[in-house]
Protein backbone atom coordinates (compact mmCIF):
# COMPACT_ATOMS: atom_id res chain seq x y z
CA MET A 1 64.64 137.35 -97.86
CA ALA A 2 63.39 133.85 -98.71
CA GLU A 3 61.10 133.86 -95.65
CA GLN A 4 59.57 137.18 -96.76
CA GLN A 5 58.90 135.78 -100.25
CA ILE A 6 57.23 132.67 -98.76
CA GLU A 7 55.09 134.86 -96.50
CA ALA A 8 54.09 137.10 -99.41
CA GLY A 9 53.15 134.04 -101.48
CA SER A 10 51.02 132.67 -98.64
CA MET A 11 49.17 135.96 -98.30
CA LYS A 12 48.40 135.97 -102.03
CA ARG A 13 46.97 132.45 -101.80
CA LEU A 14 44.79 133.45 -98.84
CA TRP A 15 43.40 136.45 -100.71
CA ARG A 16 42.04 134.04 -103.35
CA PHE A 17 39.55 132.77 -100.78
CA PHE A 18 38.35 136.24 -99.75
CA PRO A 19 35.25 136.20 -102.05
CA ALA A 20 34.10 132.99 -100.33
CA LEU A 21 34.39 134.50 -96.84
CA PRO A 22 30.69 135.45 -96.52
CA ALA A 23 29.66 131.91 -97.46
CA LEU A 24 32.05 130.44 -94.90
CA MET A 25 30.71 132.77 -92.20
CA LEU A 26 27.13 131.66 -92.94
CA SER A 27 27.91 127.96 -93.42
CA GLY A 28 26.65 127.10 -89.94
CA CYS A 29 23.38 129.02 -90.36
CA THR A 30 20.07 127.68 -91.59
CA VAL A 31 17.26 129.67 -93.12
CA ASP A 32 13.94 127.93 -92.59
CA LEU A 33 12.24 129.92 -95.34
CA LEU A 34 14.68 128.48 -97.88
CA GLN A 35 14.23 124.91 -96.62
CA PRO A 36 10.50 124.30 -97.15
CA ALA A 37 8.78 121.06 -96.16
CA GLY A 38 5.49 121.53 -97.99
CA PRO A 39 3.97 122.91 -101.21
CA ILE A 40 2.93 126.23 -99.63
CA GLY A 41 6.43 126.73 -98.23
CA GLU A 42 7.93 125.83 -101.60
CA GLY A 43 5.72 128.38 -103.33
CA ASN A 44 6.71 131.07 -100.82
CA ARG A 45 10.39 130.24 -101.30
CA ASP A 46 10.16 130.28 -105.10
CA MET A 47 8.46 133.67 -105.04
CA MET A 48 11.10 135.07 -102.68
CA VAL A 49 13.96 133.81 -104.84
CA LEU A 50 12.28 135.05 -108.01
CA GLU A 51 11.70 138.55 -106.61
CA TRP A 52 15.28 138.62 -105.33
CA ALA A 53 16.56 137.68 -108.80
CA VAL A 54 14.46 140.37 -110.48
CA MET A 55 15.68 143.00 -108.03
CA MET A 56 19.27 141.93 -108.66
CA CYS A 57 18.72 142.94 -112.29
CA VAL A 58 18.76 146.49 -110.93
CA VAL A 59 21.14 146.25 -108.01
CA VAL A 60 24.02 144.45 -109.77
CA PRO A 61 24.21 146.77 -112.82
CA VAL A 62 24.02 149.83 -110.56
CA ILE A 63 26.89 148.57 -108.41
CA ILE A 64 28.99 147.75 -111.49
CA ALA A 65 28.19 151.11 -113.11
CA THR A 66 29.11 152.96 -109.92
CA LEU A 67 32.53 151.30 -109.81
CA VAL A 68 33.13 151.79 -113.54
CA PHE A 69 32.17 155.48 -113.46
CA ALA A 70 34.25 156.13 -110.34
CA TRP A 71 37.28 154.57 -112.00
CA ARG A 72 36.82 156.04 -115.48
CA TYR A 73 36.12 159.59 -114.35
CA ARG A 74 38.67 159.75 -111.56
CA ALA A 75 40.65 162.97 -111.23
CA SER A 76 43.88 161.42 -112.51
CA ASN A 77 42.31 160.18 -115.77
CA THR A 78 42.85 163.10 -118.13
CA LYS A 79 41.64 161.10 -121.16
CA ALA A 80 38.05 160.88 -119.92
CA GLU A 81 35.72 163.04 -122.02
CA TYR A 82 34.00 165.83 -120.10
CA LEU A 83 30.81 167.14 -121.77
CA ARG A 84 30.27 170.37 -119.90
CA ASN A 85 27.32 171.42 -122.06
CA TRP A 86 25.49 168.06 -122.01
CA SER A 87 21.91 168.37 -120.73
CA HIS A 88 19.67 165.58 -122.03
CA SER A 89 19.69 162.09 -123.56
CA ASN A 90 16.57 160.28 -124.73
CA LYS A 91 18.34 156.93 -124.47
CA ILE A 92 19.28 157.50 -120.84
CA GLU A 93 15.76 158.71 -119.99
CA VAL A 94 14.21 155.59 -121.57
CA PHE A 95 16.63 153.37 -119.68
CA ILE A 96 16.18 155.12 -116.33
CA TRP A 97 12.36 155.04 -116.48
CA GLY A 98 11.78 151.99 -118.65
CA VAL A 99 13.70 149.42 -116.61
CA PRO A 100 11.97 150.20 -113.26
CA ILE A 101 8.54 150.22 -114.96
CA LEU A 102 9.28 146.86 -116.57
CA ILE A 103 10.42 145.39 -113.26
CA ILE A 104 7.31 146.67 -111.47
CA LEU A 105 5.10 145.09 -114.15
CA VAL A 106 6.90 141.75 -113.90
CA LEU A 107 6.72 141.73 -110.09
CA SER A 108 3.06 142.75 -110.19
CA VAL A 109 2.16 139.80 -112.41
CA PHE A 110 4.01 137.31 -110.24
CA ASN A 111 2.67 138.79 -107.00
CA TYR A 112 -0.91 138.81 -108.28
CA LYS A 113 -0.68 135.13 -109.24
CA SER A 114 1.04 134.03 -106.02
CA THR A 115 -1.38 136.03 -103.86
CA HIS A 116 -4.28 134.02 -105.25
CA ASP A 117 -2.46 130.68 -105.48
CA TYR A 118 -1.24 130.81 -101.88
CA ASP A 119 -4.14 132.62 -100.23
CA PRO A 120 -4.11 131.46 -96.54
CA TYR A 121 -7.89 131.01 -96.66
CA LYS A 122 -7.73 128.83 -99.78
CA PRO A 123 -7.89 125.06 -99.02
CA ILE A 124 -5.09 122.83 -100.24
CA SER A 125 -5.87 121.91 -103.85
CA LYS A 126 -6.12 118.38 -105.21
CA GLU A 127 -3.13 119.18 -107.42
CA MET A 128 -0.99 119.92 -104.36
CA GLN A 129 -2.20 116.74 -102.66
CA ALA A 130 -1.45 114.71 -105.76
CA LYS A 131 2.01 116.26 -105.89
CA VAL A 132 2.86 114.75 -102.49
CA GLY A 133 1.21 111.44 -103.34
CA ALA A 134 -2.00 111.67 -101.28
CA PRO A 135 -4.81 113.04 -103.50
CA ASP A 136 -7.63 111.61 -101.34
CA ALA A 137 -6.35 112.56 -97.87
CA LYS A 138 -9.00 114.11 -95.60
CA PRO A 139 -8.00 117.42 -93.92
CA LEU A 140 -7.05 117.56 -90.25
CA HIS A 141 -8.85 120.35 -88.39
CA VAL A 142 -6.85 122.20 -85.74
CA GLU A 143 -8.01 125.13 -83.62
CA VAL A 144 -5.17 127.46 -82.62
CA ILE A 145 -5.39 129.87 -79.68
CA SER A 146 -2.54 132.25 -78.89
CA LEU A 147 -2.17 132.90 -75.17
CA ASP A 148 0.39 134.78 -73.08
CA TRP A 149 3.73 133.41 -74.35
CA LYS A 150 2.32 130.04 -75.44
CA TRP A 151 0.13 128.37 -78.05
CA LEU A 152 -2.87 126.11 -77.45
CA PHE A 153 -3.78 123.59 -80.16
CA ILE A 154 -7.14 121.84 -80.07
CA TYR A 155 -7.98 118.87 -82.29
CA PRO A 156 -11.81 119.06 -82.29
CA ASP A 157 -12.32 115.86 -84.30
CA LEU A 158 -9.96 113.90 -82.05
CA GLY A 159 -10.99 115.35 -78.68
CA ILE A 160 -7.44 116.15 -77.57
CA ALA A 161 -5.31 119.29 -77.19
CA THR A 162 -1.70 120.33 -76.69
CA ILE A 163 0.27 123.34 -75.51
CA ASN A 164 3.39 124.44 -77.40
CA GLU A 165 3.52 121.33 -79.58
CA LEU A 166 1.69 120.78 -82.84
CA ASP A 167 1.71 117.15 -84.01
CA VAL A 168 0.39 116.51 -87.53
CA PRO A 169 0.46 113.71 -90.09
CA THR A 170 2.42 114.16 -93.30
CA LYS A 171 0.72 114.42 -96.71
CA THR A 172 -2.49 115.55 -94.99
CA PRO A 173 -4.10 119.00 -95.55
CA LEU A 174 -4.05 121.03 -92.34
CA ASP A 175 -7.08 123.25 -91.77
CA PHE A 176 -6.32 125.83 -89.05
CA ARG A 177 -8.84 128.09 -87.32
CA ILE A 178 -6.90 130.73 -85.38
CA THR A 179 -7.82 133.22 -82.67
CA SER A 180 -6.26 134.91 -79.64
CA ASP A 181 -7.17 135.06 -75.98
CA SER A 182 -4.57 137.77 -75.40
CA VAL A 183 -2.91 140.41 -77.57
CA MET A 184 -2.69 140.24 -81.35
CA THR A 185 0.18 138.16 -82.67
CA SER A 186 1.10 136.16 -85.77
CA PHE A 187 1.06 132.38 -86.26
CA PHE A 188 3.97 131.20 -88.40
CA ILE A 189 5.67 127.88 -89.26
CA PRO A 190 8.35 129.08 -91.73
CA GLN A 191 9.13 125.69 -93.31
CA LEU A 192 5.46 124.92 -93.96
CA GLY A 193 4.42 128.29 -95.32
CA SER A 194 2.38 131.42 -94.90
CA GLN A 195 1.85 133.32 -91.66
CA ILE A 196 -1.50 134.66 -90.50
CA TYR A 197 -2.54 136.99 -87.68
CA SER A 198 -4.17 135.84 -84.47
CA MET A 199 -6.60 138.39 -82.98
CA ALA A 200 -8.92 138.36 -79.98
CA GLY A 201 -12.59 138.09 -80.87
CA MET A 202 -11.77 137.22 -84.47
CA GLU A 203 -11.11 134.05 -86.39
CA THR A 204 -8.54 133.70 -89.16
CA GLN A 205 -7.79 130.67 -91.27
CA LEU A 206 -4.71 129.00 -92.65
CA HIS A 207 -4.21 125.91 -94.82
CA LEU A 208 -0.86 124.12 -94.86
CA LEU A 209 0.54 120.70 -95.73
CA ALA A 210 3.70 118.90 -94.60
CA SER A 211 5.10 116.79 -97.43
CA ARG A 212 7.77 115.07 -95.34
CA PRO A 213 8.41 114.14 -91.69
CA GLY A 214 10.30 116.68 -89.63
CA ASN A 215 10.54 118.73 -86.48
CA PHE A 216 9.88 122.32 -87.49
CA GLN A 217 9.93 125.53 -85.50
CA GLY A 218 6.76 127.55 -85.09
CA GLU A 219 6.81 131.05 -83.71
CA ALA A 220 4.99 134.26 -82.93
CA ALA A 221 6.10 136.48 -85.78
CA GLN A 222 5.04 139.79 -84.22
CA TYR A 223 6.42 141.68 -81.25
CA THR A 224 3.96 141.61 -78.33
CA GLY A 225 6.15 142.57 -75.38
CA PRO A 226 8.97 141.10 -73.26
CA GLY A 227 9.04 137.33 -73.65
CA PHE A 228 7.56 137.15 -77.14
CA SER A 229 10.81 135.71 -78.53
CA ASP A 230 10.23 132.59 -76.40
CA MET A 231 6.66 132.20 -77.68
CA ARG A 232 7.68 129.28 -79.86
CA PHE A 233 6.44 125.78 -80.43
CA ARG A 234 7.49 122.64 -82.24
CA ALA A 235 5.52 121.45 -85.26
CA ILE A 236 6.21 117.74 -85.57
CA ALA A 237 5.17 116.08 -88.83
CA MET A 238 5.07 112.28 -88.89
CA PRO A 239 3.64 109.47 -91.04
CA GLN A 240 -0.09 108.77 -90.58
CA GLU A 241 0.49 105.50 -88.71
CA GLN A 242 2.82 107.19 -86.25
CA PHE A 243 0.38 110.06 -85.80
CA ASP A 244 -2.48 107.65 -85.04
CA ALA A 245 -0.29 105.96 -82.42
CA TRP A 246 0.51 109.34 -80.86
CA VAL A 247 -3.19 110.25 -80.67
CA GLN A 248 -3.98 106.95 -78.98
CA ASN A 249 -1.10 107.48 -76.56
CA VAL A 250 -2.46 110.91 -75.57
CA ARG A 251 -6.04 109.67 -75.24
CA SER A 252 -5.02 106.81 -72.99
CA GLY A 253 -3.01 109.11 -70.71
CA ASP A 254 0.08 106.90 -70.96
CA ASN A 255 2.26 109.78 -72.12
CA PRO A 256 4.00 111.53 -69.19
CA LEU A 257 3.15 114.93 -70.70
CA VAL A 258 -0.59 114.32 -70.42
CA ALA A 259 -2.28 116.53 -67.81
CA LYS A 260 -4.28 114.78 -65.08
CA GLU A 261 -7.29 116.94 -65.83
CA ALA A 262 -9.45 117.63 -68.84
CA LEU A 263 -9.32 120.99 -70.60
CA ASP A 264 -12.66 122.71 -70.02
CA ALA A 265 -14.15 126.00 -68.85
CA GLN A 266 -13.06 125.33 -65.26
CA THR A 267 -9.44 124.29 -65.92
CA TYR A 268 -8.76 126.57 -68.90
CA PRO A 269 -8.05 129.73 -66.79
CA LYS A 270 -5.21 127.82 -65.13
CA TYR A 271 -3.39 127.58 -68.48
CA HIS A 272 -4.57 130.87 -69.91
CA THR A 273 -2.12 133.31 -68.35
CA ALA A 274 1.62 133.15 -67.97
CA PRO A 275 3.04 132.79 -64.45
CA PRO A 276 4.15 136.13 -62.95
CA ALA A 277 7.75 137.08 -63.62
CA PRO A 278 10.03 139.38 -61.63
CA HIS A 279 10.02 143.04 -62.64
CA ASP A 280 11.76 143.74 -65.97
CA GLU A 281 12.17 140.02 -66.64
CA ALA A 282 10.44 138.06 -69.39
CA PRO A 283 8.24 135.09 -68.43
CA LYS A 284 9.84 131.68 -68.81
CA PRO A 285 8.85 129.58 -71.85
CA ALA A 286 5.79 127.41 -71.16
CA PRO A 287 6.34 123.62 -71.05
CA VAL A 288 4.64 121.20 -73.43
CA VAL A 289 1.36 119.80 -72.09
CA TYR A 290 -1.08 117.26 -73.57
CA PHE A 291 -4.78 116.97 -72.76
CA SER A 292 -6.54 113.64 -73.25
CA SER A 293 -9.96 115.29 -73.19
CA VAL A 294 -11.24 118.71 -74.32
CA GLN A 295 -14.63 120.27 -73.78
CA SER A 296 -16.50 120.81 -77.02
CA GLY A 297 -16.95 124.43 -78.10
CA LEU A 298 -13.96 125.83 -76.23
CA PHE A 299 -12.64 127.66 -79.30
CA GLU A 300 -16.04 129.20 -80.08
CA GLY A 301 -16.44 130.26 -76.45
CA ILE A 302 -13.09 132.07 -76.48
CA VAL A 303 -14.02 133.95 -79.64
CA ALA A 304 -17.47 134.75 -78.25
CA LYS A 305 -16.35 136.28 -74.97
CA TYR A 306 -14.77 139.19 -76.87
CA ASN A 307 -18.01 139.70 -78.82
CA VAL A 308 -20.46 140.00 -75.90
CA GLY A 309 -21.07 136.27 -75.97
CA MET A 310 -21.54 135.93 -79.72
CA SER A 311 -19.37 133.90 -82.11
CA HIS A 312 -19.11 134.52 -85.82
CA GLU A 313 -20.98 131.30 -86.53
CA ASP A 314 -24.06 132.42 -84.60
CA HIS A 315 -24.81 135.50 -86.71
CA GLY A 316 -26.66 137.18 -83.87
CA LYS A 317 -28.10 134.05 -82.22
CA ASP A 318 -27.74 133.39 -78.52
CA MET A 319 -24.56 131.44 -77.69
CA GLY A 320 -26.25 129.39 -74.98
CA GLU A 321 -23.98 126.64 -73.74
CA LYS A 322 -21.31 127.29 -76.41
CA SER A 323 -19.95 130.31 -74.55
CA MET A 324 -19.31 128.09 -71.49
CA ASN A 325 -20.07 131.01 -69.18
CA MET A 326 -16.76 132.73 -69.97
CA PRO A 327 -16.76 136.41 -68.93
CA ALA A 328 -17.08 138.89 -71.77
CA GLU A 329 -13.85 140.78 -72.42
CA SER A 330 -14.77 143.01 -75.32
CA HIS A 331 -13.69 146.14 -73.40
CA GLU A 332 -10.81 144.67 -71.43
CA ALA A 333 -7.28 145.86 -72.11
CA ALA A 334 -4.36 143.60 -72.80
CA PRO A 335 -2.69 141.99 -69.76
CA SER A 336 -0.17 144.29 -68.15
CA ASN A 337 2.72 141.82 -68.44
CA THR A 338 2.60 141.90 -72.25
CA GLY A 339 4.11 145.35 -72.47
CA MET A 340 1.45 146.43 -74.95
């Protein structure tokens, strides 16, 4: 008898921790969107949390009301008043229609403001730079090209490039120009902020800033066929001095990841497509590669070959040498191994 009482007492104590079970189950998980490392990411997080809180103003009362009504008007409760002839209530109508309208208005105001404040095409403001302690930092220009299951990053001002690794200095505005030399996908670094689409023959823009050092995950945020889940890269933010040392290390070729050849019109096709994979198997993730030298105009040439040799910057002028003799692909379908 005593053992049964002890067991019953133990079960009661365990039930006290039942509400915390979901938190314990998720304690080993991380959500990058809720752990921002830059002002754009922080703004995205704040908007998400705010919209979630506003929506909870509807969800929580509805859940509570459902439980209360189910209990109060249960079949065994004979004291509950039953108004068989009830048909209308102005108070209920105002509540049912007024609350959703109010919530929509509140969300509309917040969404309108955040849409303009965090427009991907809008450069990082001086206020944001001052917030991280670097109001006079010059932007770093990076050209992003999505390929089959990998990402190519070109630093036009530095004359270097990387595959599947984006190295950037902290507290420096990042000015991305983005295109695709394959199917349409989406460029996304959750901890730094907004995502933007990457499309062949088109150029999109994105402005981000890393306020602290870190090793963040970047990804293709749109399904493009078998293997897309491995189309990831590392975005490594480091202090300016460390970034300068990394650039010098790549330029000198001392880093073991540096390719023995420059990236130009002749070598680019070698890195453009993914290696063939067995039938019904996804391609293997592409390794990280550095290039100590990059041919000027490579990004413009990739955009141009889907526009019959014309880039957006030319406005109808002849591309000349900028197209680097790349074959036009304006009518070519997506590669067969993408599944699109």
